[in-house]
Amino acid sequence: MTSPNTTQTAARYVYGVTRAAAALPDGLTGLDGRPVTLITHEGCAAVTSDLPVGRPLGERADLLAHEHVLEALLATGTVVVPFRFGAALAGPEAVEKELLAANAERLTQILDRLDGRLEVRVRGTYVQDALLREVMNDDPQIADLNDRLRRIPADAADAAYYDRVRLGEMIARSLEQRREADGQALLEALAPAAHDLVRKPPAREDDVMDAAFLVDADRREDFERAVRDTGAAHADRITLRLIGPLPPYDFVPES
C-alpha cells in the first residue's frame, strides 16, 4: 500500500479510528517506540505512528505494540474502532483520503455503536470428572458398555477395539448435545445484561461456551454480577471465566 515516491518515514501504521476530538494518553508510543498521533478528517481521526517504508511487520514485539496502543485508549475510555494487526498506508494524505474520507459515514456509525460500550469475553469450561459422571449416570447404554470394557483383561484388549471406538463416539455425541444445550442456557442467562453478543465455536472438547459481549460501560457491574451468579449456579459442572475489557474487535463489521 506504499508508493515508490514516498520518503523513508512517510508511511503510517494505523491502530484504529476514534473521534476527531479524542485526546491521546500523554507519551503514548507504538511500533518501534514511535509517538502515536492522530490524523483527522471531519469527525473521525486515525490513530497512527510513523512506519519506515519497506519495514516488515510480523514480529511479536509489533503485535504487542499494536495491542498496547489499543489497550491504552481503552483504559482512558476513548471510543475506538480497532484495526486488526498489520494495517498500513502510504502516508498521512493516504490515511486522510483513502481511509477517513472514503469511509467517513461507515466509521462514524461504528463509533456511535461502540461509544460508551466495551467488549468482554466469557468462556465456559466443563469440569471433566463431573461431566463424565453425568454422562454415565444419564445414559445406561454408555454406562453398560463402559463397565463391560473395564472388565476385559488387558491381554484381550485388542479384541474390544471397535467397542472402544463405539464408546468414544457415543460419549462424543452425548457431550455435543449437552454442550449445545448448556451453552445456550449460559447465553440466555448473560444476554439480558449485554447490548449485543457474538458466539464463537468452542475451540476445545471441554469448552461449553465462548462468547464476546458488548456491554454498556455503566452496566459493567451488572454484567459481571450476572457472570458471577451464573457461574455459581453451575459451579459443580461448569467453570466460567470473564476476560476483559478488550478492544471491541468482535463488534466491528468485516467490510
C-alpha atoms as a PDB file:
ATOM      1  CA  MET A   1       0.000   0.000   0.000  1.00  0.00           C
ATOM      2  CA  THR A   2       3.009   2.287  -0.191  1.00  0.00           C
ATOM      3  CA  SER A   3       4.140   4.460  -3.079  1.00  0.00           C
ATOM      4  CA  PRO A   4       7.648   4.289  -4.548  1.00  0.00           C
ATOM      5  CA  ASN A   5       7.827   8.076  -4.323  1.00  0.00           C
ATOM      6  CA  THR A   6       7.235   8.298  -0.572  1.00  0.00           C
ATOM      7  CA  THR A   7      10.093   9.164   1.765  1.00  0.00           C
ATOM      8  CA  GLN A   8      11.549   6.647   4.147  1.00  0.00           C
ATOM      9  CA  THR A   9       9.448   7.937   7.050  1.00  0.00           C
ATOM     10  CA  ALA A  10       6.243   8.803   5.133  1.00  0.00           C
ATOM     11  CA  ALA A  11       4.294   5.568   5.641  1.00  0.00           C
ATOM     12  CA  ARG A  12       1.807   5.357   8.501  1.00  0.00           C
ATOM     13  CA  TYR A  13       0.816   2.401  10.623  1.00  0.00           C
ATOM     14  CA  VAL A  14      -2.843   2.539  11.676  1.00  0.00           C
ATOM     15  CA  TYR A  15      -4.069   1.133  15.011  1.00  0.00           C
ATOM     16  CA  GLY A  16      -7.676   2.183  14.655  1.00  0.00           C
ATOM     17  CA  VAL A  17     -10.056   5.099  14.303  1.00  0.00           C
ATOM     18  CA  THR A  18     -11.500   7.339  17.022  1.00  0.00           C
ATOM     19  CA  ARG A  19     -13.283  10.668  17.298  1.00  0.00           C
ATOM     20  CA  ALA A  20     -11.506  13.746  15.951  1.00  0.00           C
ATOM     21  CA  ALA A  21     -11.888  15.371  19.367  1.00  0.00           C
ATOM     22  CA  ALA A  22     -10.249  12.477  21.225  1.00  0.00           C
ATOM     23  CA  ALA A  23      -7.193  13.093  23.378  1.00  0.00           C
ATOM     24  CA  LEU A  24      -4.397  10.544  23.328  1.00  0.00           C
ATOM     25  CA  PRO A  25      -2.719   9.485  26.579  1.00  0.00           C
ATOM     26  CA  ASP A  26       0.447  11.515  27.218  1.00  0.00           C
ATOM     27  CA  GLY A  27       3.594   9.920  25.818  1.00  0.00           C
ATOM     28  CA  LEU A  28       1.768   7.091  24.049  1.00  0.00           C
ATOM     29  CA  THR A  29       4.108   5.183  21.749  1.00  0.00           C
ATOM     30  CA  GLY A  30       3.550   2.365  19.281  1.00  0.00           C
ATOM     31  CA  LEU A  31       5.718   0.297  16.941  1.00  0.00           C
ATOM     32  CA  ASP A  32       9.457   0.833  17.464  1.00  0.00           C
ATOM     33  CA  GLY A  33       8.650   3.243  20.294  1.00  0.00           C
ATOM     34  CA  ARG A  34       7.484   5.892  17.826  1.00  0.00           C
ATOM     35  CA  PRO A  35       4.985   8.530  19.051  1.00  0.00           C
ATOM     36  CA  VAL A  36       1.333   7.855  18.357  1.00  0.00           C
ATOM     37  CA  THR A  37      -0.527  10.734  16.703  1.00  0.00           C
ATOM     38  CA  LEU A  38      -3.941  11.462  15.217  1.00  0.00           C
ATOM     39  CA  ILE A  39      -4.705  12.208  11.582  1.00  0.00           C
ATOM     40  CA  THR A  40      -8.152  13.812  11.403  1.00  0.00           C
ATOM     41  CA  HIS A  41     -10.824  14.268   8.808  1.00  0.00           C
ATOM     42  CA  GLU A  42     -14.084  15.911   9.818  1.00  0.00           C
ATOM     43  CA  GLY A  43     -15.398  13.955  12.822  1.00  0.00           C
ATOM     44  CA  CYS A  44     -13.009  10.987  12.707  1.00  0.00           C
ATOM     45  CA  ALA A  45      -9.328  10.505  13.466  1.00  0.00           C
ATOM     46  CA  ALA A  46      -6.951   7.689  12.630  1.00  0.00           C
ATOM     47  CA  VAL A  47      -4.618   6.572  15.426  1.00  0.00           C
ATOM     48  CA  THR A  48      -1.227   6.243  13.726  1.00  0.00           C
ATOM     49  CA  SER A  49       2.532   6.235  14.055  1.00  0.00           C
ATOM     50  CA  ASP A  50       5.369   6.530  11.525  1.00  0.00           C
ATOM     51  CA  LEU A  51       6.383   3.364   9.719  1.00  0.00           C
ATOM     52  CA  PRO A  52       9.546   3.368   7.610  1.00  0.00           C
ATOM     53  CA  VAL A  53       8.800   2.317   4.033  1.00  0.00           C
ATOM     54  CA  GLY A  54       9.675  -1.330   3.495  1.00  0.00           C
ATOM     55  CA  ARG A  55       9.834  -2.129   7.191  1.00  0.00           C
ATOM     56  CA  PRO A  56       8.381  -5.655   7.537  1.00  0.00           C
ATOM     57  CA  LEU A  57       5.659  -6.377  10.082  1.00  0.00           C
ATOM     58  CA  GLY A  58       5.059  -9.582  11.939  1.00  0.00           C
ATOM     59  CA  GLU A  59       7.398  -9.730  14.927  1.00  0.00           C
ATOM     60  CA  ARG A  60       5.842 -10.492  18.287  1.00  0.00           C
ATOM     61  CA  ALA A  61       7.011  -7.080  19.511  1.00  0.00           C
ATOM     62  CA  ASP A  62       4.967  -5.457  16.734  1.00  0.00           C
ATOM     63  CA  LEU A  63       1.806  -7.242  17.791  1.00  0.00           C
ATOM     64  CA  LEU A  64       2.410  -6.325  21.433  1.00  0.00           C
ATOM     65  CA  ALA A  65       2.914  -2.683  20.491  1.00  0.00           C
ATOM     66  CA  HIS A  66      -0.319  -2.732  18.487  1.00  0.00           C
ATOM     67  CA  GLU A  67      -2.258  -4.151  21.437  1.00  0.00           C
ATOM     68  CA  HIS A  68      -0.554  -1.732  23.843  1.00  0.00           C
ATOM     69  CA  VAL A  69      -1.876   1.277  21.938  1.00  0.00           C
ATOM     70  CA  LEU A  70      -5.421  -0.046  21.810  1.00  0.00           C
ATOM     71  CA  GLU A  71      -5.384  -1.042  25.479  1.00  0.00           C
ATOM     72  CA  ALA A  72      -4.110   2.423  26.449  1.00  0.00           C
ATOM     73  CA  LEU A  73      -7.048   4.013  24.644  1.00  0.00           C
ATOM     74  CA  LEU A  74      -9.433   1.520  26.213  1.00  0.00           C
ATOM     75  CA  ALA A  75      -8.103   2.350  29.676  1.00  0.00           C
ATOM     76  CA  THR A  76      -8.968   6.025  29.234  1.00  0.00           C
ATOM     77  CA  GLY A  77     -12.473   5.288  27.972  1.00  0.00           C
ATOM     78  CA  THR A  78     -11.685   6.506  24.459  1.00  0.00           C
ATOM     79  CA  VAL A  79     -14.029   5.016  21.884  1.00  0.00           C
ATOM     80  CA  VAL A  80     -12.065   3.380  19.091  1.00  0.00           C
ATOM     81  CA  VAL A  81     -12.713   1.190  16.077  1.00  0.00           C
ATOM     82  CA  PRO A  82      -9.783  -1.231  16.473  1.00  0.00           C
ATOM     83  CA  PHE A  83      -7.964  -2.389  13.353  1.00  0.00           C
ATOM     84  CA  ARG A  84      -6.526  -5.857  13.033  1.00  0.00           C
ATOM     85  CA  PHE A  85      -2.754  -6.010  13.262  1.00  0.00           C
ATOM     86  CA  GLY A  86      -0.884  -5.044  10.108  1.00  0.00           C
ATOM     87  CA  ALA A  87      -2.801  -2.074   8.658  1.00  0.00           C
ATOM     88  CA  ALA A  88      -0.519   0.471   6.954  1.00  0.00           C
ATOM     89  CA  LEU A  89      -0.970   3.221   4.371  1.00  0.00           C
ATOM     90  CA  ALA A  90       1.453   5.206   2.234  1.00  0.00           C
ATOM     91  CA  GLY A  91       1.376   8.359   4.347  1.00  0.00           C
ATOM     92  CA  PRO A  92      -0.784  10.971   6.110  1.00  0.00           C
ATOM     93  CA  GLU A  93      -2.552  12.001   2.917  1.00  0.00           C
ATOM     94  CA  ALA A  94      -3.468   8.411   2.123  1.00  0.00           C
ATOM     95  CA  VAL A  95      -4.753   7.930   5.663  1.00  0.00           C
ATOM     96  CA  GLU A  96      -6.943  11.015   5.375  1.00  0.00           C
ATOM     97  CA  LYS A  97      -8.299  10.392   1.884  1.00  0.00           C
ATOM     98  CA  GLU A  98      -8.294   6.613   1.424  1.00  0.00           C
ATOM     99  CA  LEU A  99      -9.285   5.675   4.954  1.00  0.00           C
ATOM    100  CA  LEU A 100     -11.115   8.525   6.657  1.00  0.00           C
ATOM    101  CA  ALA A 101     -12.762  10.453   3.817  1.00  0.00           C
ATOM    102  CA  ALA A 102     -13.674   7.352   1.830  1.00  0.00           C
ATOM    103  CA  ASN A 103     -15.251   5.626   4.845  1.00  0.00           C
ATOM    104  CA  ALA A 104     -16.475   8.564   6.914  1.00  0.00           C
ATOM    105  CA  GLU A 105     -20.128   7.530   7.184  1.00  0.00           C
ATOM    106  CA  ARG A 106     -19.393   3.899   7.990  1.00  0.00           C
ATOM    107  CA  LEU A 107     -16.715   4.745  10.570  1.00  0.00           C
ATOM    108  CA  THR A 108     -18.982   7.262  12.262  1.00  0.00           C
ATOM    109  CA  GLN A 109     -21.765   4.680  12.501  1.00  0.00           C
ATOM    110  CA  ILE A 110     -19.420   2.144  14.094  1.00  0.00           C
ATOM    111  CA  LEU A 111     -18.071   4.724  16.552  1.00  0.00           C
ATOM    112  CA  ASP A 112     -21.629   5.649  17.515  1.00  0.00           C
ATOM    113  CA  ARG A 113     -22.440   1.994  18.141  1.00  0.00           C
ATOM    114  CA  LEU A 114     -19.326   1.393  20.253  1.00  0.00           C
ATOM    115  CA  ASP A 115     -19.404   4.663  22.183  1.00  0.00           C
ATOM    116  CA  GLY A 116     -19.969   4.086  25.889  1.00  0.00           C
ATOM    117  CA  ARG A 117     -19.642   0.330  25.498  1.00  0.00           C
ATOM    118  CA  LEU A 118     -16.905  -2.240  25.984  1.00  0.00           C
ATOM    119  CA  GLU A 119     -16.216  -5.807  24.933  1.00  0.00           C
ATOM    120  CA  VAL A 120     -15.790  -8.604  27.436  1.00  0.00           C
ATOM    121  CA  ARG A 121     -15.397 -12.285  26.698  1.00  0.00           C
ATOM    122  CA  VAL A 122     -16.826 -15.154  28.695  1.00  0.00           C
ATOM    123  CA  ARG A 123     -15.613 -18.719  28.384  1.00  0.00           C
ATOM    124  CA  GLY A 124     -17.289 -21.700  29.972  1.00  0.00           C
ATOM    125  CA  THR A 125     -15.412 -24.949  30.511  1.00  0.00           C
ATOM    126  CA  TYR A 126     -16.748 -28.263  31.753  1.00  0.00           C
ATOM    127  CA  VAL A 127     -15.488 -29.808  34.972  1.00  0.00           C
ATOM    128  CA  GLN A 128     -14.406 -33.022  33.249  1.00  0.00           C
ATOM    129  CA  ASP A 129     -14.851 -35.523  36.083  1.00  0.00           C
ATOM    130  CA  ALA A 130     -18.307 -34.205  36.903  1.00  0.00           C
ATOM    131  CA  LEU A 131     -19.312 -34.221  33.249  1.00  0.00           C
ATOM    132  CA  LEU A 132     -18.237 -37.824  32.637  1.00  0.00           C
ATOM    133  CA  ARG A 133     -20.078 -38.977  35.749  1.00  0.00           C
ATOM    134  CA  GLU A 134     -23.156 -37.170  34.465  1.00  0.00           C
ATOM    135  CA  VAL A 135     -22.921 -38.848  31.058  1.00  0.00           C
ATOM    136  CA  MET A 136     -22.571 -42.283  32.642  1.00  0.00           C
ATOM    137  CA  ASN A 137     -25.455 -41.702  35.045  1.00  0.00           C
ATOM    138  CA  ASP A 138     -27.811 -40.365  32.397  1.00  0.00           C
ATOM    139  CA  ASP A 139     -27.178 -42.922  29.640  1.00  0.00           C
ATOM    140  CA  PRO A 140     -27.397 -46.584  30.712  1.00  0.00           C
ATOM    141  CA  GLN A 141     -26.150 -47.791  27.326  1.00  0.00           C
ATOM    142  CA  ILE A 142     -22.926 -45.813  27.683  1.00  0.00           C
ATOM    143  CA  ALA A 143     -22.550 -46.894  31.312  1.00  0.00           C
ATOM    144  CA  ASP A 144     -23.069 -50.595  30.480  1.00  0.00           C
ATOM    145  CA  LEU A 145     -20.585 -50.547  27.590  1.00  0.00           C
ATOM    146  CA  ASN A 146     -18.025 -48.713  29.687  1.00  0.00           C
ATOM    147  CA  ASP A 147     -18.431 -51.209  32.509  1.00  0.00           C
ATOM    148  CA  ARG A 148     -18.028 -54.188  30.161  1.00  0.00           C
ATOM    149  CA  LEU A 149     -14.879 -52.716  28.638  1.00  0.00           C
ATOM    150  CA  ARG A 150     -13.354 -52.072  32.049  1.00  0.00           C
ATOM    151  CA  ARG A 151     -13.779 -55.761  32.927  1.00  0.00           C
ATOM    152  CA  ILE A 152     -11.971 -57.024  29.822  1.00  0.00           C
ATOM    153  CA  PRO A 153      -8.497 -58.415  30.709  1.00  0.00           C
ATOM    154  CA  ALA A 154      -5.530 -56.417  29.445  1.00  0.00           C
ATOM    155  CA  ASP A 155      -4.352 -59.285  27.242  1.00  0.00           C
ATOM    156  CA  ALA A 156      -7.714 -59.282  25.427  1.00  0.00           C
ATOM    157  CA  ALA A 157      -7.989 -55.512  24.975  1.00  0.00           C
ATOM    158  CA  ASP A 158      -7.296 -55.663  21.227  1.00  0.00           C
ATOM    159  CA  ALA A 159     -10.436 -57.727  20.687  1.00  0.00           C
ATOM    160  CA  ALA A 160     -12.543 -54.896  22.098  1.00  0.00           C
ATOM    161  CA  TYR A 161     -11.054 -52.208  19.843  1.00  0.00           C
ATOM    162  CA  TYR A 162     -14.245 -51.482  17.917  1.00  0.00           C
ATOM    163  CA  ASP A 163     -16.307 -51.383  21.103  1.00  0.00           C
ATOM    164  CA  ARG A 164     -13.917 -48.757  22.473  1.00  0.00           C
ATOM    165  CA  VAL A 165     -14.320 -46.717  19.306  1.00  0.00           C
ATOM    166  CA  ARG A 166     -18.099 -47.025  19.625  1.00  0.00           C
ATOM    167  CA  LEU A 167     -17.950 -45.918  23.250  1.00  0.00           C
ATOM    168  CA  GLY A 168     -15.891 -42.887  22.289  1.00  0.00           C
ATOM    169  CA  GLU A 169     -18.371 -41.946  19.578  1.00  0.00           C
ATOM    170  CA  MET A 170     -21.327 -42.321  21.947  1.00  0.00           C
ATOM    171  CA  ILE A 171     -19.683 -40.132  24.564  1.00  0.00           C
ATOM    172  CA  ALA A 172     -18.778 -37.532  21.946  1.00  0.00           C
ATOM    173  CA  ARG A 173     -22.401 -37.353  20.727  1.00  0.00           C
ATOM    174  CA  SER A 174     -23.660 -37.008  24.267  1.00  0.00           C
ATOM    175  CA  LEU A 175     -21.145 -34.237  25.002  1.00  0.00           C
ATOM    176  CA  GLU A 176     -22.111 -32.355  21.847  1.00  0.00           C
ATOM    177  CA  GLN A 177     -25.780 -32.432  22.784  1.00  0.00           C
ATOM    178  CA  ARG A 178     -25.011 -31.221  26.292  1.00  0.00           C
ATOM    179  CA  ARG A 179     -22.655 -28.521  25.017  1.00  0.00           C
ATOM    180  CA  GLU A 180     -25.333 -27.069  22.762  1.00  0.00           C
ATOM    181  CA  ALA A 181     -27.977 -27.056  25.491  1.00  0.00           C
ATOM    182  CA  ASP A 182     -25.642 -25.824  28.239  1.00  0.00           C
ATOM    183  CA  GLY A 183     -24.086 -23.168  26.025  1.00  0.00           C
ATOM    184  CA  GLN A 184     -27.498 -21.813  25.066  1.00  0.00           C
ATOM    185  CA  ALA A 185     -28.572 -21.731  28.718  1.00  0.00           C
ATOM    186  CA  LEU A 186     -25.473 -19.742  29.663  1.00  0.00           C
ATOM    187  CA  LEU A 187     -26.023 -17.272  26.814  1.00  0.00           C
ATOM    188  CA  GLU A 188     -29.652 -16.766  27.813  1.00  0.00           C
ATOM    189  CA  ALA A 189     -28.598 -16.062  31.389  1.00  0.00           C
ATOM    190  CA  LEU A 190     -25.999 -13.446  30.390  1.00  0.00           C
ATOM    191  CA  ALA A 191     -27.562 -11.812  27.321  1.00  0.00           C
ATOM    192  CA  PRO A 192     -30.041  -9.567  29.218  1.00  0.00           C
ATOM    193  CA  ALA A 193     -27.118  -7.724  30.839  1.00  0.00           C
ATOM    194  CA  ALA A 194     -25.404  -7.033  27.487  1.00  0.00           C
ATOM    195  CA  HIS A 195     -26.158  -4.862  24.478  1.00  0.00           C
ATOM    196  CA  ASP A 196     -25.065  -7.486  21.949  1.00  0.00           C
ATOM    197  CA  LEU A 197     -23.127 -10.747  21.743  1.00  0.00           C
ATOM    198  CA  VAL A 198     -21.160 -12.857  19.300  1.00  0.00           C
ATOM    199  CA  ARG A 199     -20.993 -16.608  19.931  1.00  0.00           C
ATOM    200  CA  LYS A 200     -17.790 -18.335  18.894  1.00  0.00           C
ATOM    201  CA  PRO A 201     -17.323 -22.040  18.144  1.00  0.00           C
ATOM    202  CA  PRO A 202     -15.751 -23.928  21.064  1.00  0.00           C
ATOM    203  CA  ALA A 203     -12.045 -24.446  20.475  1.00  0.00           C
ATOM    204  CA  ARG A 204     -11.598 -27.434  22.797  1.00  0.00           C
ATOM    205  CA  GLU A 205     -13.558 -30.537  23.651  1.00  0.00           C
ATOM    206  CA  ASP A 206     -14.255 -29.364  27.204  1.00  0.00           C
ATOM    207  CA  ASP A 207     -15.410 -25.876  26.169  1.00  0.00           C
ATOM    208  CA  VAL A 208     -19.095 -25.226  26.769  1.00  0.00           C
ATOM    209  CA  MET A 209     -19.346 -21.654  25.536  1.00  0.00           C
ATOM    210  CA  ASP A 210     -17.081 -18.948  24.162  1.00  0.00           C
ATOM    211  CA  ALA A 211     -18.775 -15.614  23.519  1.00  0.00           C
ATOM    212  CA  ALA A 212     -17.949 -11.926  23.219  1.00  0.00           C
ATOM    213  CA  PHE A 213     -20.384  -9.470  24.779  1.00  0.00           C
ATOM    214  CA  LEU A 214     -20.788  -5.780  24.047  1.00  0.00           C
ATOM    215  CA  VAL A 215     -21.656  -4.218  27.398  1.00  0.00           C
ATOM    216  CA  ASP A 216     -22.695  -0.681  28.263  1.00  0.00           C
ATOM    217  CA  ALA A 217     -19.923   0.749  30.419  1.00  0.00           C
ATOM    218  CA  ASP A 218     -22.396   1.916  33.039  1.00  0.00           C
ATOM    219  CA  ARG A 219     -23.785  -1.646  33.256  1.00  0.00           C
ATOM    220  CA  ARG A 220     -20.430  -3.367  33.578  1.00  0.00           C
ATOM    221  CA  GLU A 221     -21.018  -4.236  37.239  1.00  0.00           C
ATOM    222  CA  ASP A 222     -24.425  -5.690  36.374  1.00  0.00           C
ATOM    223  CA  PHE A 223     -22.866  -7.888  33.704  1.00  0.00           C
ATOM    224  CA  GLU A 224     -20.049  -9.054  35.965  1.00  0.00           C
ATOM    225  CA  ARG A 225     -22.608  -9.854  38.654  1.00  0.00           C
ATOM    226  CA  ALA A 226     -24.578 -11.901  36.121  1.00  0.00           C
ATOM    227  CA  VAL A 227     -21.406 -13.840  35.274  1.00  0.00           C
ATOM    228  CA  ARG A 228     -20.705 -14.498  38.963  1.00  0.00           C
ATOM    229  CA  ASP A 229     -24.273 -15.581  39.677  1.00  0.00           C
ATOM    230  CA  THR A 230     -24.452 -17.798  36.603  1.00  0.00           C
ATOM    231  CA  GLY A 231     -21.072 -19.302  37.415  1.00  0.00           C
ATOM    232  CA  ALA A 232     -22.163 -20.058  40.978  1.00  0.00           C
ATOM    233  CA  ALA A 233     -25.357 -21.716  39.742  1.00  0.00           C
ATOM    234  CA  HIS A 234     -23.353 -24.112  37.533  1.00  0.00           C
ATOM    235  CA  ALA A 235     -20.164 -24.375  39.602  1.00  0.00           C
ATOM    236  CA  ASP A 236     -20.472 -28.130  40.161  1.00  0.00           C
ATOM    237  CA  ARG A 237     -20.115 -28.850  36.431  1.00  0.00           C
ATOM    238  CA  ILE A 238     -19.042 -25.675  34.581  1.00  0.00           C
ATOM    239  CA  THR A 239     -16.340 -23.079  35.237  1.00  0.00           C
ATOM    240  CA  LEU A 240     -16.945 -19.576  33.863  1.00  0.00           C
ATOM    241  CA  ARG A 241     -14.104 -17.153  33.171  1.00  0.00           C
ATOM    242  CA  LEU A 242     -14.522 -13.482  32.289  1.00  0.00           C
ATOM    243  CA  ILE A 243     -11.803 -11.804  30.199  1.00  0.00           C
ATOM    244  CA  GLY A 244     -11.568  -8.088  29.537  1.00  0.00           C
ATOM    245  CA  PRO A 245     -12.414  -5.378  28.835  1.00  0.00           C
ATOM    246  CA  LEU A 246     -10.944  -5.915  25.378  1.00  0.00           C
ATOM    247  CA  PRO A 247     -10.713  -3.837  22.196  1.00  0.00           C
ATOM    248  CA  PRO A 248     -14.105  -4.434  20.530  1.00  0.00           C
ATOM    249  CA  TYR A 249     -12.837  -6.386  17.509  1.00  0.00           C
ATOM    250  CA  ASP A 250     -15.830  -8.700  17.523  1.00  0.00           C
ATOM    251  CA  PHE A 251     -18.292  -5.851  17.017  1.00  0.00           C
ATOM    252  CA  VAL A 252     -16.581  -4.187  14.049  1.00  0.00           C
ATOM    253  CA  PRO A 253     -18.091  -5.292  10.712  1.00  0.00           C
ATOM    254  CA  GLU A 254     -15.597  -7.028   8.455  1.00  0.00           C
ATOM    255  CA  SER A 255     -16.425  -4.871   5.443  1.00  0.00           C
END
